[in-house]
C-alpha atoms as a PDB file:
ATOM      1  CA  MET A   1       7.911   3.111 -16.760  1.00  0.00           C
ATOM      2  CA  ASN A   2       5.313   3.471 -14.023  1.00  0.00           C
ATOM      3  CA  HIS A   3       6.628   5.900 -11.435  1.00  0.00           C
ATOM      4  CA  SER A   4       5.919   5.057  -7.808  1.00  0.00           C
ATOM      5  CA  VAL A   5       3.130   7.153  -6.333  1.00  0.00           C
ATOM      6  CA  TYR A   6       2.605   7.345  -2.593  1.00  0.00           C
ATOM      7  CA  LEU A   7      -0.931   8.414  -1.735  1.00  0.00           C
ATOM      8  CA  LEU A   8      -0.952   9.823   1.798  1.00  0.00           C
ATOM      9  CA  ILE A   9      -4.252  10.060   3.638  1.00  0.00           C
ATOM     10  CA  LEU A  10      -4.236  11.807   7.011  1.00  0.00           C
ATOM     11  CA  THR A  11      -7.067  10.900   9.358  1.00  0.00           C
ATOM     12  CA  TRP A  12      -8.245  11.645  12.884  1.00  0.00           C
ATOM     13  CA  ASN A  13     -11.389  10.226  14.491  1.00  0.00           C
ATOM     14  CA  SER A  14     -12.996   9.733  11.104  1.00  0.00           C
ATOM     15  CA  LYS A  15     -13.687   6.000  10.877  1.00  0.00           C
ATOM     16  CA  LYS A  16     -16.750   6.243   8.618  1.00  0.00           C
ATOM     17  CA  HIS A  17     -15.095   8.626   6.162  1.00  0.00           C
ATOM     18  CA  ILE A  18     -11.719   6.882   5.935  1.00  0.00           C
ATOM     19  CA  LEU A  19     -13.324   3.497   5.258  1.00  0.00           C
ATOM     20  CA  GLU A  20     -15.422   4.977   2.435  1.00  0.00           C
ATOM     21  CA  CYS A  21     -12.326   6.754   1.110  1.00  0.00           C
ATOM     22  CA  LEU A  22     -10.246   3.565   1.139  1.00  0.00           C
ATOM     23  CA  GLU A  23     -13.022   1.674  -0.619  1.00  0.00           C
ATOM     24  CA  SER A  24     -12.785   4.130  -3.520  1.00  0.00           C
ATOM     25  CA  VAL A  25      -8.965   4.092  -3.447  1.00  0.00           C
ATOM     26  CA  GLN A  26      -9.026   0.313  -3.963  1.00  0.00           C
ATOM     27  CA  ARG A  27     -10.521   0.939  -7.417  1.00  0.00           C
ATOM     28  CA  LEU A  28      -7.616   3.095  -8.628  1.00  0.00           C
ATOM     29  CA  ASP A  29      -6.176   1.731 -11.876  1.00  0.00           C
ATOM     30  CA  TYR A  30      -2.518   2.597 -11.204  1.00  0.00           C
ATOM     31  CA  ASP A  31      -0.107  -0.316 -10.706  1.00  0.00           C
ATOM     32  CA  ASN A  32       2.717   1.324  -8.763  1.00  0.00           C
ATOM     33  CA  LEU A  33       0.528   2.891  -6.078  1.00  0.00           C
ATOM     34  CA  HIS A  34       1.366   2.789  -2.382  1.00  0.00           C
ATOM     35  CA  VAL A  35      -1.406   3.906  -0.046  1.00  0.00           C
ATOM     36  CA  VAL A  36      -0.324   5.237   3.337  1.00  0.00           C
ATOM     37  CA  VAL A  37      -2.852   6.163   6.012  1.00  0.00           C
ATOM     38  CA  ILE A  38      -1.517   8.365   8.791  1.00  0.00           C
ATOM     39  CA  ASP A  39      -3.694   8.153  11.887  1.00  0.00           C
ATOM     40  CA  ASN A  40      -3.320  11.205  14.105  1.00  0.00           C
ATOM     41  CA  GLY A  41      -4.077   9.522  17.442  1.00  0.00           C
ATOM     42  CA  SER A  42      -7.729   8.659  16.840  1.00  0.00           C
ATOM     43  CA  SER A  43      -9.743   7.521  19.854  1.00  0.00           C
ATOM     44  CA  ASP A  44     -12.832   6.284  17.971  1.00  0.00           C
ATOM     45  CA  GLY A  45     -11.403   3.047  16.544  1.00  0.00           C
ATOM     46  CA  THR A  46     -10.301   4.560  13.234  1.00  0.00           C
ATOM     47  CA  ALA A  47      -6.841   2.953  13.228  1.00  0.00           C
ATOM     48  CA  GLU A  48      -8.231  -0.447  14.192  1.00  0.00           C
ATOM     49  CA  ALA A  49     -10.903  -0.300  11.479  1.00  0.00           C
ATOM     50  CA  VAL A  50      -8.317   0.642   8.845  1.00  0.00           C
ATOM     51  CA  ARG A  51      -5.977  -2.138   9.974  1.00  0.00           C
ATOM     52  CA  ASP A  52      -8.770  -4.736  10.056  1.00  0.00           C
ATOM     53  CA  GLY A  53     -10.265  -3.770   6.705  1.00  0.00           C
ATOM     54  CA  TYR A  54      -7.255  -2.759   4.633  1.00  0.00           C
ATOM     55  CA  GLY A  55      -4.101  -3.697   6.547  1.00  0.00           C
ATOM     56  CA  ASP A  56      -2.835  -5.999   3.811  1.00  0.00           C
ATOM     57  CA  LYS A  57      -3.417  -3.410   1.056  1.00  0.00           C
ATOM     58  CA  MET A  58      -1.781  -0.330   2.540  1.00  0.00           C
ATOM     59  CA  THR A  59       0.562   1.009   5.187  1.00  0.00           C
ATOM     60  CA  LEU A  60      -0.843   2.393   8.422  1.00  0.00           C
ATOM     61  CA  ILE A  61       1.250   4.836  10.430  1.00  0.00           C
ATOM     62  CA  GLU A  62      -0.084   5.557  13.914  1.00  0.00           C
ATOM     63  CA  ASN A  63       1.185   8.827  15.341  1.00  0.00           C
ATOM     64  CA  GLY A  64      -0.207   8.213  18.823  1.00  0.00           C
ATOM     65  CA  GLU A  65      -1.229  11.844  19.159  1.00  0.00           C
ATOM     66  CA  ASN A  66      -2.883  14.493  17.030  1.00  0.00           C
ATOM     67  CA  LEU A  67      -0.008  16.205  15.239  1.00  0.00           C
ATOM     68  CA  MET A  68      -2.497  18.338  13.317  1.00  0.00           C
ATOM     69  CA  PHE A  69      -2.437  18.734   9.526  1.00  0.00           C
ATOM     70  CA  ALA A  70       1.100  19.823   8.640  1.00  0.00           C
ATOM     71  CA  ARG A  71       3.070  17.732  11.141  1.00  0.00           C
ATOM     72  CA  GLY A  72       0.839  14.708  10.564  1.00  0.00           C
ATOM     73  CA  ASN A  73       1.372  14.860   6.817  1.00  0.00           C
ATOM     74  CA  ASN A  74       5.097  15.424   7.334  1.00  0.00           C
ATOM     75  CA  VAL A  75       5.290  12.023   9.060  1.00  0.00           C
ATOM     76  CA  GLY A  76       3.822  10.420   5.929  1.00  0.00           C
ATOM     77  CA  ILE A  77       6.011  12.453   3.583  1.00  0.00           C
ATOM     78  CA  LYS A  78       9.127  11.414   5.488  1.00  0.00           C
ATOM     79  CA  TYR A  79       8.070   7.766   5.197  1.00  0.00           C
ATOM     80  CA  ALA A  80       7.398   8.078   1.448  1.00  0.00           C
ATOM     81  CA  LEU A  81      10.759   9.742   0.847  1.00  0.00           C
ATOM     82  CA  GLU A  82      12.511   6.979   2.806  1.00  0.00           C
ATOM     83  CA  GLN A  83      10.800   4.500   0.466  1.00  0.00           C
ATOM     84  CA  LYS A  84      12.180   6.430  -2.544  1.00  0.00           C
ATOM     85  CA  ALA A  85       8.786   7.617  -3.789  1.00  0.00           C
ATOM     86  CA  ASP A  86       8.824   9.217  -7.222  1.00  0.00           C
ATOM     87  CA  TYR A  87       5.666  11.197  -6.470  1.00  0.00           C
ATOM     88  CA  ILE A  88       3.729  11.981  -3.306  1.00  0.00           C
ATOM     89  CA  MET A  89       0.054  12.901  -3.295  1.00  0.00           C
ATOM     90  CA  LEU A  90      -1.792  14.193  -0.228  1.00  0.00           C
ATOM     91  CA  MET A  91      -5.491  13.484   0.123  1.00  0.00           C
ATOM     92  CA  ASN A  92      -8.120  14.158   2.759  1.00  0.00           C
ATOM     93  CA  ASP A  93      -9.922  11.254   4.392  1.00  0.00           C
ATOM     94  CA  ASP A  94     -13.395  12.362   3.295  1.00  0.00           C
ATOM     95  CA  VAL A  95     -12.748  12.049  -0.447  1.00  0.00           C
ATOM     96  CA  ALA A  96     -14.011   9.438  -2.897  1.00  0.00           C
ATOM     97  CA  VAL A  97     -11.854   9.170  -6.000  1.00  0.00           C
ATOM     98  CA  ASP A  98     -12.400   8.250  -9.625  1.00  0.00           C
ATOM     99  CA  SER A  99     -10.536   5.110 -10.689  1.00  0.00           C
ATOM    100  CA  ARG A 100      -8.447   7.139 -13.191  1.00  0.00           C
ATOM    101  CA  MET A 101      -7.411   9.870 -10.755  1.00  0.00           C
ATOM    102  CA  ILE A 102      -3.706   9.002 -10.873  1.00  0.00           C
ATOM    103  CA  SER A 103      -3.330   7.368 -14.270  1.00  0.00           C
ATOM    104  CA  GLU A 104      -4.619  10.502 -16.011  1.00  0.00           C
ATOM    105  CA  LEU A 105      -2.201  12.892 -14.309  1.00  0.00           C
END
């Protein structure tokens, strides 16, 4: 059984980094993966770029203000728990991942 994994990526005014991060996330080889980007009130077009480039492949939560690290992630964690996530993984927006990152855990 493939457990559901919710990969939460918090971002704020980091359009270049989050797009590169999401490009690498698309190569993950895990079937029951749910990617959630939490935008902390970006003013540089980050949320729009994520929605335009990856809106059909992930969930975008827009906080509307910068809730900082802990509160911003808590918004995503609450969402994942409401969706009955088996596992929740937090990741920064400036990370590129190996395709086996989750399947080898």
